[in-house]
């Protein structure tokens, strides 16, 4: 994560930076809802932003985790967190702001994780799983620490489904010969669009019920 100076490497690095930035925003907003102090705000922003990528790097045995080898990530997260604190002090927070920041972070990190897994030669199903885990883990940690039900477990929301669809779209686009960057944009767009449909359009996955209940 973050290595490389040209071509797809640069694109992946920018996706990663964008992902940690918007997940940091979601961490700040979650901390604000719980009225944490400034230290707690920054800590929650950090764990939200690095949680998914850290899990990915550990599971894939990539050696040093991405933020330890490149402190730019920690700087970006901290700066974004502090700027977000100042912003919400001065301006009203838009409705669904936390959900939207989380949706954007999910879209960025799902594809980031999938690309890294694909580059490592993992089979398609493993690429999907690794992409989904990278996308959802930070938000789960954030919600657990703030005593909230994680988005991935909230009643019938399109969350893991959106992540899976995004990775599938990314892999499908690549299989059709579409270049890496446009394929990544397709995958991120599908993930984000499905989350928006769930947030604003009340699109839900079917519920499972036992036959006798």
N, C-alpha and C. Protein backbone atom coordinates (compact mmCIF):
# COMPACT_ATOMS: atom_id res chain seq x y z
N UNK A 1 0.83 -1.19 0.00
CA UNK A 1 0.00 0.00 0.00
C UNK A 1 0.87 1.24 0.00
N UNK A 2 0.63 2.12 -0.93
CA UNK A 2 1.36 3.36 -0.95
C UNK A 2 2.64 3.32 -1.71
N UNK A 3 3.20 2.12 -1.99
CA UNK A 3 4.45 2.07 -2.74
C UNK A 3 4.22 2.42 -4.18
N UNK A 4 5.28 2.72 -4.86
CA UNK A 4 5.15 3.01 -6.28
C UNK A 4 5.14 4.48 -6.56
N UNK A 5 5.67 4.85 -7.71
CA UNK A 5 5.77 6.27 -8.02
C UNK A 5 5.12 6.63 -9.34
N UNK A 6 4.58 5.67 -10.06
CA UNK A 6 3.95 6.01 -11.33
C UNK A 6 2.92 4.94 -11.67
N UNK A 7 2.11 5.24 -12.71
CA UNK A 7 1.13 4.27 -13.18
C UNK A 7 0.14 3.92 -12.10
N UNK A 8 -0.32 2.62 -12.06
CA UNK A 8 -1.31 2.20 -11.10
C UNK A 8 -0.89 2.43 -9.66
N UNK A 9 0.45 2.40 -9.38
CA UNK A 9 0.91 2.61 -8.01
C UNK A 9 0.51 3.96 -7.48
N UNK A 10 0.63 4.99 -8.30
CA UNK A 10 0.23 6.34 -7.88
C UNK A 10 -1.27 6.38 -7.63
N UNK A 11 -2.05 5.78 -8.52
CA UNK A 11 -3.50 5.77 -8.37
C UNK A 11 -3.90 5.07 -7.08
N UNK A 12 -3.29 3.93 -6.80
CA UNK A 12 -3.60 3.19 -5.59
C UNK A 12 -3.25 4.00 -4.35
N UNK A 13 -2.13 4.68 -4.39
CA UNK A 13 -1.72 5.51 -3.26
C UNK A 13 -2.74 6.63 -3.01
N UNK A 14 -3.21 7.26 -4.08
CA UNK A 14 -4.21 8.32 -3.93
C UNK A 14 -5.53 7.77 -3.41
N UNK A 15 -5.91 6.58 -3.86
CA UNK A 15 -7.13 5.95 -3.35
C UNK A 15 -7.00 5.70 -1.86
N UNK A 16 -5.83 5.21 -1.45
CA UNK A 16 -5.59 4.94 -0.04
C UNK A 16 -5.67 6.22 0.79
N UNK A 17 -5.02 7.27 0.31
CA UNK A 17 -5.04 8.54 1.05
C UNK A 17 -6.45 9.09 1.15
N UNK A 18 -7.20 9.01 0.05
CA UNK A 18 -8.59 9.47 0.08
C UNK A 18 -9.41 8.62 1.06
N UNK A 19 -9.14 7.32 1.07
CA UNK A 19 -9.86 6.42 1.98
C UNK A 19 -9.62 6.75 3.44
N UNK A 20 -8.35 6.96 3.82
CA UNK A 20 -8.07 7.27 5.22
C UNK A 20 -8.65 8.63 5.59
N UNK A 21 -8.66 9.56 4.63
CA UNK A 21 -9.19 10.90 4.91
C UNK A 21 -10.69 10.85 5.22
N UNK A 22 -11.46 10.19 4.37
CA UNK A 22 -12.92 10.20 4.60
C UNK A 22 -13.30 9.31 5.77
N UNK A 23 -12.55 8.23 6.01
CA UNK A 23 -12.83 7.43 7.20
C UNK A 23 -12.47 8.21 8.46
N UNK A 24 -11.43 9.05 8.39
CA UNK A 24 -11.11 9.91 9.53
C UNK A 24 -12.26 10.86 9.82
N UNK A 25 -12.87 11.41 8.77
CA UNK A 25 -14.04 12.28 8.95
C UNK A 25 -15.16 11.53 9.65
N UNK A 26 -15.41 10.29 9.24
CA UNK A 26 -16.48 9.52 9.87
C UNK A 26 -16.16 9.25 11.34
N UNK A 27 -14.87 9.03 11.64
CA UNK A 27 -14.49 8.83 13.04
C UNK A 27 -14.73 10.06 13.88
N UNK A 28 -14.42 11.23 13.33
CA UNK A 28 -14.65 12.49 14.04
C UNK A 28 -16.15 12.69 14.30
N UNK A 29 -16.96 12.45 13.29
CA UNK A 29 -18.41 12.64 13.44
C UNK A 29 -18.98 11.67 14.47
N UNK A 30 -18.49 10.44 14.46
CA UNK A 30 -18.94 9.46 15.47
C UNK A 30 -18.52 9.90 16.86
N UNK A 31 -17.29 10.40 16.98
CA UNK A 31 -16.81 10.89 18.27
C UNK A 31 -17.62 12.08 18.74
N UNK A 32 -18.00 12.96 17.81
CA UNK A 32 -18.81 14.11 18.17
C UNK A 32 -20.17 13.72 18.71
N UNK A 33 -20.76 12.67 18.15
CA UNK A 33 -22.05 12.21 18.64
C UNK A 33 -21.95 11.71 20.08
N UNK A 34 -20.76 11.21 20.46
CA UNK A 34 -20.56 10.70 21.81
C UNK A 34 -19.91 11.73 22.73
N UNK A 35 -19.66 12.94 22.21
CA UNK A 35 -19.09 14.04 23.00
C UNK A 35 -17.74 13.69 23.61
N UNK A 36 -16.86 13.08 22.81
CA UNK A 36 -15.52 12.75 23.27
C UNK A 36 -14.65 14.01 23.30
N UNK A 37 -13.56 13.97 24.08
CA UNK A 37 -12.62 15.09 24.07
C UNK A 37 -11.75 15.01 22.83
N UNK A 38 -10.88 16.02 22.64
CA UNK A 38 -10.10 16.10 21.41
C UNK A 38 -9.19 14.89 21.23
N UNK A 39 -8.60 14.43 22.32
CA UNK A 39 -7.75 13.23 22.21
C UNK A 39 -8.57 12.04 21.73
N UNK A 40 -9.74 11.86 22.31
CA UNK A 40 -10.61 10.76 21.90
C UNK A 40 -11.04 10.88 20.45
N UNK A 41 -11.27 12.11 20.00
CA UNK A 41 -11.64 12.35 18.61
C UNK A 41 -10.53 11.89 17.67
N UNK A 42 -9.30 12.28 17.95
CA UNK A 42 -8.18 11.91 17.08
C UNK A 42 -7.94 10.41 17.12
N UNK A 43 -8.01 9.81 18.29
CA UNK A 43 -7.82 8.37 18.40
C UNK A 43 -8.87 7.62 17.59
N UNK A 44 -10.13 8.04 17.71
CA UNK A 44 -11.20 7.36 16.97
C UNK A 44 -11.02 7.55 15.46
N UNK A 45 -10.60 8.73 15.05
CA UNK A 45 -10.33 8.97 13.64
C UNK A 45 -9.21 8.05 13.15
N UNK A 46 -8.17 7.90 13.94
CA UNK A 46 -7.02 7.06 13.56
C UNK A 46 -7.42 5.59 13.42
N UNK A 47 -8.08 5.05 14.43
CA UNK A 47 -8.40 3.62 14.37
C UNK A 47 -9.42 3.32 13.28
N UNK A 48 -10.32 4.27 13.03
CA UNK A 48 -11.28 4.07 11.94
C UNK A 48 -10.57 4.05 10.60
N UNK A 49 -9.62 4.96 10.42
CA UNK A 49 -8.96 5.11 9.13
C UNK A 49 -7.96 4.00 8.83
N UNK A 50 -7.28 3.48 9.85
CA UNK A 50 -6.23 2.49 9.59
C UNK A 50 -6.66 1.06 9.88
N UNK A 51 -7.85 0.88 10.48
CA UNK A 51 -8.24 -0.45 10.92
C UNK A 51 -8.32 -1.48 9.81
N UNK A 52 -8.99 -1.13 8.71
CA UNK A 52 -9.16 -2.10 7.63
C UNK A 52 -7.86 -2.44 6.95
N UNK A 53 -7.05 -1.44 6.64
CA UNK A 53 -5.77 -1.69 5.99
C UNK A 53 -4.81 -2.46 6.86
N UNK A 54 -4.85 -2.20 8.17
CA UNK A 54 -3.99 -2.95 9.09
C UNK A 54 -4.37 -4.42 9.11
N UNK A 55 -5.66 -4.71 9.20
CA UNK A 55 -6.12 -6.09 9.19
C UNK A 55 -5.71 -6.78 7.90
N UNK A 56 -5.87 -6.09 6.78
CA UNK A 56 -5.47 -6.65 5.49
C UNK A 56 -3.99 -7.00 5.46
N UNK A 57 -3.16 -6.06 5.89
CA UNK A 57 -1.71 -6.27 5.83
C UNK A 57 -1.27 -7.41 6.73
N UNK A 58 -1.91 -7.53 7.90
CA UNK A 58 -1.57 -8.63 8.81
C UNK A 58 -1.99 -9.96 8.22
N UNK A 59 -3.21 -10.05 7.71
CA UNK A 59 -3.71 -11.31 7.15
C UNK A 59 -2.92 -11.73 5.92
N UNK A 60 -2.47 -10.77 5.12
CA UNK A 60 -1.71 -11.08 3.92
C UNK A 60 -0.21 -11.18 4.19
N UNK A 61 0.18 -10.99 5.44
CA UNK A 61 1.58 -11.10 5.83
C UNK A 61 2.45 -10.23 4.93
N UNK A 62 2.07 -8.95 4.84
CA UNK A 62 2.77 -8.03 3.95
C UNK A 62 3.99 -7.38 4.62
N UNK A 63 4.35 -7.86 5.82
CA UNK A 63 5.47 -7.25 6.52
C UNK A 63 4.99 -6.06 7.32
N UNK A 64 5.70 -4.95 7.24
CA UNK A 64 5.32 -3.76 7.97
C UNK A 64 4.00 -3.21 7.43
N UNK A 65 3.09 -2.89 8.33
CA UNK A 65 1.79 -2.39 7.88
C UNK A 65 1.95 -1.02 7.23
N UNK A 66 0.98 -0.67 6.40
CA UNK A 66 1.13 0.47 5.50
C UNK A 66 1.42 1.78 6.21
N UNK A 67 0.75 2.05 7.32
CA UNK A 67 0.93 3.35 7.97
C UNK A 67 2.23 3.42 8.77
N UNK A 68 2.78 2.26 9.14
CA UNK A 68 4.05 2.24 9.86
C UNK A 68 5.22 2.53 8.93
N UNK A 69 5.08 2.11 7.68
CA UNK A 69 6.16 2.33 6.72
C UNK A 69 6.04 3.68 6.02
N UNK A 70 4.88 4.31 6.10
CA UNK A 70 4.68 5.60 5.47
C UNK A 70 3.84 6.48 6.40
N UNK A 71 4.49 7.30 7.23
CA UNK A 71 3.76 8.12 8.20
C UNK A 71 2.88 9.21 7.57
N UNK A 72 2.96 9.36 6.24
CA UNK A 72 2.08 10.32 5.57
C UNK A 72 0.61 10.04 5.91
N UNK A 73 0.27 8.76 6.04
CA UNK A 73 -1.10 8.39 6.36
C UNK A 73 -1.53 8.98 7.71
N UNK A 74 -0.67 8.85 8.71
CA UNK A 74 -1.00 9.35 10.05
C UNK A 74 -1.12 10.86 10.04
N UNK A 75 -0.26 11.53 9.27
CA UNK A 75 -0.33 12.98 9.16
C UNK A 75 -1.65 13.40 8.52
N UNK A 76 -2.01 12.75 7.42
CA UNK A 76 -3.26 13.07 6.72
C UNK A 76 -4.46 12.87 7.65
N UNK A 77 -4.47 11.75 8.36
CA UNK A 77 -5.60 11.45 9.25
C UNK A 77 -5.72 12.51 10.34
N UNK A 78 -4.60 12.85 10.96
CA UNK A 78 -4.62 13.82 12.06
C UNK A 78 -5.05 15.20 11.57
N UNK A 79 -4.50 15.63 10.44
CA UNK A 79 -4.86 16.95 9.90
C UNK A 79 -6.33 16.99 9.52
N UNK A 80 -6.81 15.95 8.84
CA UNK A 80 -8.22 15.91 8.44
C UNK A 80 -9.12 15.90 9.67
N UNK A 81 -8.73 15.15 10.70
CA UNK A 81 -9.53 15.09 11.92
C UNK A 81 -9.64 16.47 12.57
N UNK A 82 -8.52 17.17 12.68
CA UNK A 82 -8.54 18.49 13.31
C UNK A 82 -9.33 19.50 12.48
N UNK A 83 -9.17 19.43 11.15
CA UNK A 83 -9.93 20.33 10.28
C UNK A 83 -11.44 20.04 10.37
N UNK A 84 -11.79 18.76 10.47
CA UNK A 84 -13.20 18.40 10.58
C UNK A 84 -13.79 18.92 11.88
N UNK A 85 -13.02 18.83 12.96
CA UNK A 85 -13.47 19.37 14.25
C UNK A 85 -13.78 20.86 14.12
N UNK A 86 -12.88 21.60 13.48
CA UNK A 86 -13.10 23.03 13.30
C UNK A 86 -14.30 23.31 12.40
N UNK A 87 -14.48 22.48 11.38
CA UNK A 87 -15.60 22.67 10.45
C UNK A 87 -16.94 22.50 11.16
N UNK A 88 -17.06 21.41 11.92
CA UNK A 88 -18.36 21.14 12.55
C UNK A 88 -18.66 22.12 13.67
N UNK A 89 -17.63 22.78 14.18
CA UNK A 89 -17.87 23.83 15.18
C UNK A 89 -18.51 25.07 14.56
N UNK A 90 -18.23 25.29 13.28
CA UNK A 90 -18.66 26.52 12.63
C UNK A 90 -19.89 26.35 11.73
N UNK A 91 -20.10 25.15 11.25
CA UNK A 91 -21.18 24.92 10.30
C UNK A 91 -22.03 23.74 10.76
N UNK A 92 -23.32 23.77 10.43
CA UNK A 92 -24.18 22.64 10.80
C UNK A 92 -23.77 21.37 10.05
N UNK A 93 -23.87 20.27 10.74
CA UNK A 93 -23.51 18.99 10.12
C UNK A 93 -24.66 18.51 9.24
N UNK A 94 -24.39 18.23 7.97
CA UNK A 94 -25.47 17.77 7.08
C UNK A 94 -26.07 16.45 7.56
N UNK A 95 -27.33 16.26 7.22
CA UNK A 95 -27.98 15.00 7.55
C UNK A 95 -27.25 13.84 6.87
N UNK A 96 -27.11 12.75 7.57
CA UNK A 96 -26.43 11.55 7.07
C UNK A 96 -24.95 11.78 6.78
N UNK A 97 -24.35 12.80 7.38
CA UNK A 97 -22.93 13.07 7.10
C UNK A 97 -22.04 11.90 7.47
N UNK A 98 -22.28 11.29 8.63
CA UNK A 98 -21.48 10.14 9.04
C UNK A 98 -21.65 8.99 8.07
N UNK A 99 -22.88 8.71 7.69
CA UNK A 99 -23.14 7.60 6.77
C UNK A 99 -22.48 7.84 5.41
N UNK A 100 -22.51 9.10 4.94
CA UNK A 100 -21.91 9.41 3.65
C UNK A 100 -20.39 9.29 3.69
N UNK A 101 -19.77 9.78 4.77
CA UNK A 101 -18.32 9.65 4.90
C UNK A 101 -17.93 8.18 4.98
N UNK A 102 -18.71 7.41 5.72
CA UNK A 102 -18.44 5.97 5.81
C UNK A 102 -18.60 5.29 4.45
N UNK A 103 -19.62 5.69 3.70
CA UNK A 103 -19.85 5.10 2.38
C UNK A 103 -18.68 5.38 1.44
N UNK A 104 -18.16 6.61 1.50
CA UNK A 104 -17.02 6.95 0.65
C UNK A 104 -15.78 6.16 1.07
N UNK A 105 -15.54 6.06 2.38
CA UNK A 105 -14.41 5.28 2.86
C UNK A 105 -14.52 3.83 2.46
N UNK A 106 -15.73 3.28 2.57
CA UNK A 106 -15.96 1.91 2.16
C UNK A 106 -15.61 1.71 0.69
N UNK A 107 -16.08 2.62 -0.16
CA UNK A 107 -15.82 2.50 -1.60
C UNK A 107 -14.33 2.54 -1.91
N UNK A 108 -13.61 3.47 -1.28
CA UNK A 108 -12.17 3.57 -1.53
C UNK A 108 -11.43 2.32 -1.05
N UNK A 109 -11.70 1.90 0.17
CA UNK A 109 -10.90 0.83 0.76
C UNK A 109 -11.26 -0.55 0.23
N UNK A 110 -12.51 -0.75 -0.17
CA UNK A 110 -12.88 -2.03 -0.78
C UNK A 110 -12.03 -2.28 -2.03
N UNK A 111 -11.90 -1.25 -2.86
CA UNK A 111 -11.14 -1.41 -4.09
C UNK A 111 -9.64 -1.44 -3.81
N UNK A 112 -9.19 -0.65 -2.85
CA UNK A 112 -7.78 -0.69 -2.46
C UNK A 112 -7.39 -2.10 -2.01
N UNK A 113 -8.20 -2.68 -1.13
CA UNK A 113 -7.91 -4.03 -0.66
C UNK A 113 -7.96 -5.06 -1.77
N UNK A 114 -8.95 -4.91 -2.66
CA UNK A 114 -9.07 -5.85 -3.77
C UNK A 114 -7.87 -5.76 -4.71
N UNK A 115 -7.41 -4.55 -4.99
CA UNK A 115 -6.27 -4.38 -5.90
C UNK A 115 -5.01 -4.98 -5.32
N UNK A 116 -4.79 -4.78 -4.03
CA UNK A 116 -3.60 -5.33 -3.40
C UNK A 116 -3.66 -6.85 -3.38
N UNK A 117 -4.83 -7.40 -3.08
CA UNK A 117 -4.98 -8.85 -3.08
C UNK A 117 -4.79 -9.42 -4.49
N UNK A 118 -5.31 -8.72 -5.49
CA UNK A 118 -5.16 -9.18 -6.87
C UNK A 118 -3.70 -9.13 -7.30
N UNK A 119 -3.01 -8.05 -6.94
CA UNK A 119 -1.59 -7.93 -7.27
C UNK A 119 -0.76 -9.01 -6.60
N UNK A 120 -1.23 -9.49 -5.44
CA UNK A 120 -0.50 -10.55 -4.72
C UNK A 120 -0.78 -11.93 -5.29
N UNK A 121 -1.65 -12.02 -6.29
CA UNK A 121 -1.93 -13.29 -6.94
C UNK A 121 -2.99 -14.13 -6.27
N UNK A 122 -3.79 -13.53 -5.38
CA UNK A 122 -4.85 -14.29 -4.73
C UNK A 122 -5.96 -14.62 -5.73
N UNK A 123 -6.64 -15.76 -5.55
CA UNK A 123 -7.75 -16.10 -6.45
C UNK A 123 -8.92 -15.15 -6.26
N UNK A 124 -9.84 -15.17 -7.23
CA UNK A 124 -10.92 -14.20 -7.27
C UNK A 124 -11.74 -14.12 -6.00
N UNK A 125 -12.14 -15.27 -5.44
CA UNK A 125 -12.96 -15.25 -4.24
C UNK A 125 -12.20 -14.62 -3.07
N UNK A 126 -10.92 -14.93 -2.97
CA UNK A 126 -10.11 -14.34 -1.90
C UNK A 126 -9.96 -12.83 -2.10
N UNK A 127 -9.89 -12.39 -3.35
CA UNK A 127 -9.82 -10.96 -3.64
C UNK A 127 -11.09 -10.27 -3.13
N UNK A 128 -12.23 -10.88 -3.36
CA UNK A 128 -13.50 -10.31 -2.89
C UNK A 128 -13.51 -10.22 -1.36
N UNK A 129 -13.14 -11.32 -0.71
CA UNK A 129 -13.15 -11.34 0.76
C UNK A 129 -12.19 -10.30 1.32
N UNK A 130 -10.99 -10.23 0.75
CA UNK A 130 -10.00 -9.29 1.26
C UNK A 130 -10.44 -7.84 1.03
N UNK A 131 -11.05 -7.59 -0.11
CA UNK A 131 -11.56 -6.25 -0.37
C UNK A 131 -12.64 -5.85 0.61
N UNK A 132 -13.58 -6.76 0.85
CA UNK A 132 -14.67 -6.47 1.79
C UNK A 132 -14.12 -6.25 3.20
N UNK A 133 -13.21 -7.11 3.64
CA UNK A 133 -12.65 -6.97 4.98
C UNK A 133 -11.90 -5.64 5.13
N UNK A 134 -11.16 -5.26 4.10
CA UNK A 134 -10.44 -3.98 4.16
C UNK A 134 -11.41 -2.81 4.27
N UNK A 135 -12.53 -2.91 3.57
CA UNK A 135 -13.49 -1.82 3.57
C UNK A 135 -14.29 -1.69 4.84
N UNK A 136 -14.65 -2.80 5.48
CA UNK A 136 -15.60 -2.74 6.58
C UNK A 136 -14.94 -2.69 7.96
N UNK A 137 -13.69 -3.15 8.09
CA UNK A 137 -13.12 -3.34 9.42
C UNK A 137 -12.99 -2.04 10.21
N UNK A 138 -12.54 -0.96 9.55
CA UNK A 138 -12.37 0.30 10.26
C UNK A 138 -13.67 0.82 10.82
N UNK A 139 -14.74 0.75 10.03
CA UNK A 139 -16.04 1.20 10.50
C UNK A 139 -16.58 0.35 11.63
N UNK A 140 -16.31 -0.95 11.58
CA UNK A 140 -16.74 -1.84 12.66
C UNK A 140 -16.04 -1.45 13.97
N UNK A 141 -14.72 -1.22 13.89
CA UNK A 141 -13.97 -0.82 15.08
C UNK A 141 -14.52 0.50 15.64
N UNK A 142 -14.77 1.46 14.75
CA UNK A 142 -15.32 2.75 15.17
C UNK A 142 -16.65 2.57 15.91
N UNK A 143 -17.53 1.77 15.34
CA UNK A 143 -18.86 1.61 15.93
C UNK A 143 -18.81 0.83 17.24
N UNK A 144 -17.94 -0.16 17.32
CA UNK A 144 -17.81 -0.92 18.57
C UNK A 144 -17.28 -0.01 19.68
N UNK A 145 -16.28 0.82 19.37
CA UNK A 145 -15.71 1.71 20.38
C UNK A 145 -16.69 2.78 20.85
N UNK A 146 -17.65 3.13 20.00
CA UNK A 146 -18.65 4.13 20.38
C UNK A 146 -19.98 3.48 20.79
N UNK A 147 -19.94 2.17 21.02
CA UNK A 147 -21.12 1.43 21.50
C UNK A 147 -22.31 1.56 20.56
N UNK A 148 -22.03 1.48 19.25
CA UNK A 148 -23.09 1.51 18.24
C UNK A 148 -23.11 0.17 17.50
N UNK A 149 -24.26 -0.19 16.98
CA UNK A 149 -24.34 -1.38 16.13
C UNK A 149 -23.61 -1.05 14.82
N UNK A 150 -22.61 -1.84 14.42
CA UNK A 150 -21.89 -1.56 13.18
C UNK A 150 -22.84 -1.51 11.98
N UNK A 151 -22.52 -0.64 11.03
CA UNK A 151 -23.36 -0.52 9.84
C UNK A 151 -23.57 -1.87 9.16
N UNK A 152 -22.54 -2.70 9.17
CA UNK A 152 -22.63 -3.99 8.47
C UNK A 152 -23.68 -4.90 9.09
N UNK A 153 -24.05 -4.64 10.36
CA UNK A 153 -25.03 -5.47 11.05
C UNK A 153 -26.38 -4.80 11.20
N UNK A 154 -26.50 -3.56 10.74
CA UNK A 154 -27.78 -2.88 10.91
C UNK A 154 -28.83 -3.48 9.98
N UNK A 155 -30.04 -3.45 10.42
CA UNK A 155 -31.12 -4.24 9.84
C UNK A 155 -31.23 -4.09 8.33
N UNK A 156 -30.80 -5.12 7.62
CA UNK A 156 -31.02 -5.28 6.18
C UNK A 156 -30.37 -4.20 5.32
N UNK A 157 -29.42 -3.44 5.86
CA UNK A 157 -28.78 -2.41 5.05
C UNK A 157 -27.87 -3.03 4.00
N UNK A 158 -27.76 -2.35 2.85
CA UNK A 158 -26.80 -2.76 1.83
C UNK A 158 -25.43 -2.25 2.24
N UNK A 159 -24.63 -3.11 2.81
CA UNK A 159 -23.30 -2.71 3.26
C UNK A 159 -22.28 -3.72 2.74
N UNK A 160 -22.25 -4.90 3.33
CA UNK A 160 -21.38 -5.94 2.78
C UNK A 160 -21.79 -6.26 1.34
N UNK A 161 -23.09 -6.23 1.07
CA UNK A 161 -23.58 -6.48 -0.29
C UNK A 161 -23.03 -5.44 -1.26
N UNK A 162 -23.02 -4.19 -0.84
CA UNK A 162 -22.48 -3.12 -1.68
C UNK A 162 -20.99 -3.32 -1.92
N UNK A 163 -20.27 -3.75 -0.88
CA UNK A 163 -18.84 -3.98 -1.01
C UNK A 163 -18.55 -5.14 -1.96
N UNK A 164 -19.30 -6.22 -1.81
CA UNK A 164 -19.11 -7.38 -2.69
C UNK A 164 -19.41 -7.01 -4.14
N UNK A 165 -20.49 -6.27 -4.35
CA UNK A 165 -20.86 -5.85 -5.70
C UNK A 165 -19.78 -4.96 -6.30
N UNK A 166 -19.20 -4.09 -5.48
CA UNK A 166 -18.15 -3.21 -5.97
C UNK A 166 -16.91 -3.97 -6.42
N UNK A 167 -16.48 -4.94 -5.62
CA UNK A 167 -15.31 -5.75 -6.00
C UNK A 167 -15.63 -6.56 -7.25
N UNK A 168 -16.84 -7.13 -7.29
CA UNK A 168 -17.23 -7.91 -8.47
C UNK A 168 -17.23 -7.04 -9.72
N UNK A 169 -17.71 -5.80 -9.61
CA UNK A 169 -17.71 -4.89 -10.75
C UNK A 169 -16.29 -4.55 -11.18
N UNK A 170 -15.42 -4.33 -10.20
CA UNK A 170 -14.01 -4.05 -10.50
C UNK A 170 -13.36 -5.22 -11.22
N UNK A 171 -13.56 -6.42 -10.71
CA UNK A 171 -12.98 -7.60 -11.35
C UNK A 171 -13.59 -7.83 -12.74
N UNK A 172 -14.90 -7.62 -12.84
CA UNK A 172 -15.55 -7.79 -14.13
C UNK A 172 -15.04 -6.81 -15.16
N UNK A 173 -14.86 -5.56 -14.75
CA UNK A 173 -14.34 -4.55 -15.67
C UNK A 173 -12.93 -4.90 -16.12
N UNK A 174 -12.12 -5.37 -15.17
CA UNK A 174 -10.77 -5.78 -15.54
C UNK A 174 -10.78 -6.97 -16.48
N UNK A 175 -11.71 -7.92 -16.24
CA UNK A 175 -11.82 -9.08 -17.11
C UNK A 175 -12.23 -8.73 -18.52
N UNK A 176 -12.89 -7.59 -18.69
CA UNK A 176 -13.29 -7.14 -20.02
C UNK A 176 -12.21 -6.30 -20.70
N UNK A 177 -11.06 -6.20 -20.05
CA UNK A 177 -9.94 -5.48 -20.65
C UNK A 177 -9.89 -4.01 -20.34
N UNK A 178 -10.75 -3.54 -19.43
CA UNK A 178 -10.72 -2.13 -19.03
C UNK A 178 -9.48 -1.88 -18.19
N UNK A 179 -8.84 -0.76 -18.39
CA UNK A 179 -7.61 -0.43 -17.68
C UNK A 179 -7.84 -0.33 -16.17
N UNK A 180 -6.75 -0.44 -15.41
CA UNK A 180 -6.82 -0.52 -13.96
C UNK A 180 -7.56 0.65 -13.31
N UNK A 181 -7.20 1.86 -13.69
CA UNK A 181 -7.82 3.02 -13.05
C UNK A 181 -9.31 3.13 -13.37
N UNK A 182 -9.74 3.03 -14.63
CA UNK A 182 -11.19 3.05 -14.89
C UNK A 182 -11.93 1.90 -14.22
N UNK A 183 -11.32 0.73 -14.18
CA UNK A 183 -11.95 -0.42 -13.51
C UNK A 183 -12.13 -0.13 -12.02
N UNK A 184 -11.13 0.51 -11.43
CA UNK A 184 -11.23 0.88 -10.01
C UNK A 184 -12.36 1.87 -9.79
N UNK A 185 -12.49 2.84 -10.69
CA UNK A 185 -13.56 3.82 -10.58
C UNK A 185 -14.93 3.17 -10.70
N UNK A 186 -15.03 2.17 -11.58
CA UNK A 186 -16.30 1.44 -11.71
C UNK A 186 -16.64 0.75 -10.40
N UNK A 187 -15.67 0.06 -9.82
CA UNK A 187 -15.91 -0.64 -8.56
C UNK A 187 -16.29 0.29 -7.43
N UNK A 188 -15.57 1.40 -7.32
CA UNK A 188 -15.90 2.37 -6.28
C UNK A 188 -17.27 2.99 -6.50
N UNK A 189 -17.58 3.28 -7.77
CA UNK A 189 -18.88 3.86 -8.08
C UNK A 189 -20.03 2.95 -7.73
N UNK A 190 -19.88 1.65 -8.01
CA UNK A 190 -20.94 0.69 -7.68
C UNK A 190 -21.13 0.60 -6.18
N UNK A 191 -20.03 0.51 -5.44
CA UNK A 191 -20.12 0.42 -3.98
C UNK A 191 -20.81 1.65 -3.40
N UNK A 192 -20.37 2.83 -3.82
CA UNK A 192 -20.91 4.07 -3.28
C UNK A 192 -22.37 4.25 -3.67
N UNK A 193 -22.70 3.93 -4.91
CA UNK A 193 -24.09 4.09 -5.38
C UNK A 193 -25.04 3.18 -4.61
N UNK A 194 -24.63 1.96 -4.34
CA UNK A 194 -25.50 1.05 -3.60
C UNK A 194 -25.67 1.51 -2.15
N UNK A 195 -24.62 2.06 -1.57
CA UNK A 195 -24.76 2.60 -0.21
C UNK A 195 -25.71 3.80 -0.20
N UNK A 196 -25.60 4.66 -1.21
CA UNK A 196 -26.52 5.79 -1.30
C UNK A 196 -27.96 5.31 -1.44
N UNK A 197 -28.15 4.26 -2.24
CA UNK A 197 -29.49 3.73 -2.42
C UNK A 197 -30.05 3.19 -1.11
N UNK A 198 -29.18 2.65 -0.27
CA UNK A 198 -29.62 2.14 1.02
C UNK A 198 -29.89 3.27 2.00
N UNK A 199 -29.06 4.32 1.96
CA UNK A 199 -29.20 5.43 2.89
C UNK A 199 -30.41 6.30 2.56
N UNK A 200 -30.54 6.65 1.27
CA UNK A 200 -31.59 7.59 0.87
C UNK A 200 -32.82 6.93 0.28
N UNK A 201 -32.62 5.78 -0.35
CA UNK A 201 -33.75 5.13 -1.01
C UNK A 201 -34.33 3.97 -0.26
N UNK A 202 -33.79 3.71 0.94
CA UNK A 202 -34.29 2.63 1.79
C UNK A 202 -34.21 1.28 1.09
N UNK A 203 -33.23 1.12 0.20
CA UNK A 203 -33.03 -0.17 -0.46
C UNK A 203 -32.44 -1.14 0.54
N UNK A 204 -33.04 -2.29 0.70
CA UNK A 204 -32.63 -3.25 1.71
C UNK A 204 -32.46 -4.64 1.10
N UNK A 205 -31.69 -5.47 1.78
CA UNK A 205 -31.58 -6.86 1.37
C UNK A 205 -32.75 -7.63 1.97
N UNK A 206 -33.17 -8.73 1.34
CA UNK A 206 -34.30 -9.50 1.89
C UNK A 206 -33.98 -10.03 3.28
N UNK A 207 -34.99 -10.06 4.13
CA UNK A 207 -34.82 -10.58 5.49
C UNK A 207 -34.96 -12.10 5.48
N UNK A 208 -34.26 -12.75 6.39
CA UNK A 208 -34.35 -14.19 6.54
C UNK A 208 -35.23 -14.49 7.74
N UNK A 209 -36.23 -15.36 7.54
CA UNK A 209 -37.11 -15.75 8.63
C UNK A 209 -37.23 -17.27 8.64
N UNK A 210 -37.27 -17.83 9.84
CA UNK A 210 -37.55 -19.27 9.94
C UNK A 210 -39.00 -19.52 9.55
N UNK A 211 -39.26 -20.66 8.96
CA UNK A 211 -40.58 -20.95 8.43
C UNK A 211 -41.69 -20.93 9.46
N UNK A 212 -41.36 -21.24 10.73
CA UNK A 212 -42.38 -21.30 11.75
C UNK A 212 -42.44 -20.04 12.59
N UNK A 213 -41.83 -18.94 12.15
CA UNK A 213 -41.83 -17.70 12.92
C UNK A 213 -42.24 -16.52 12.04
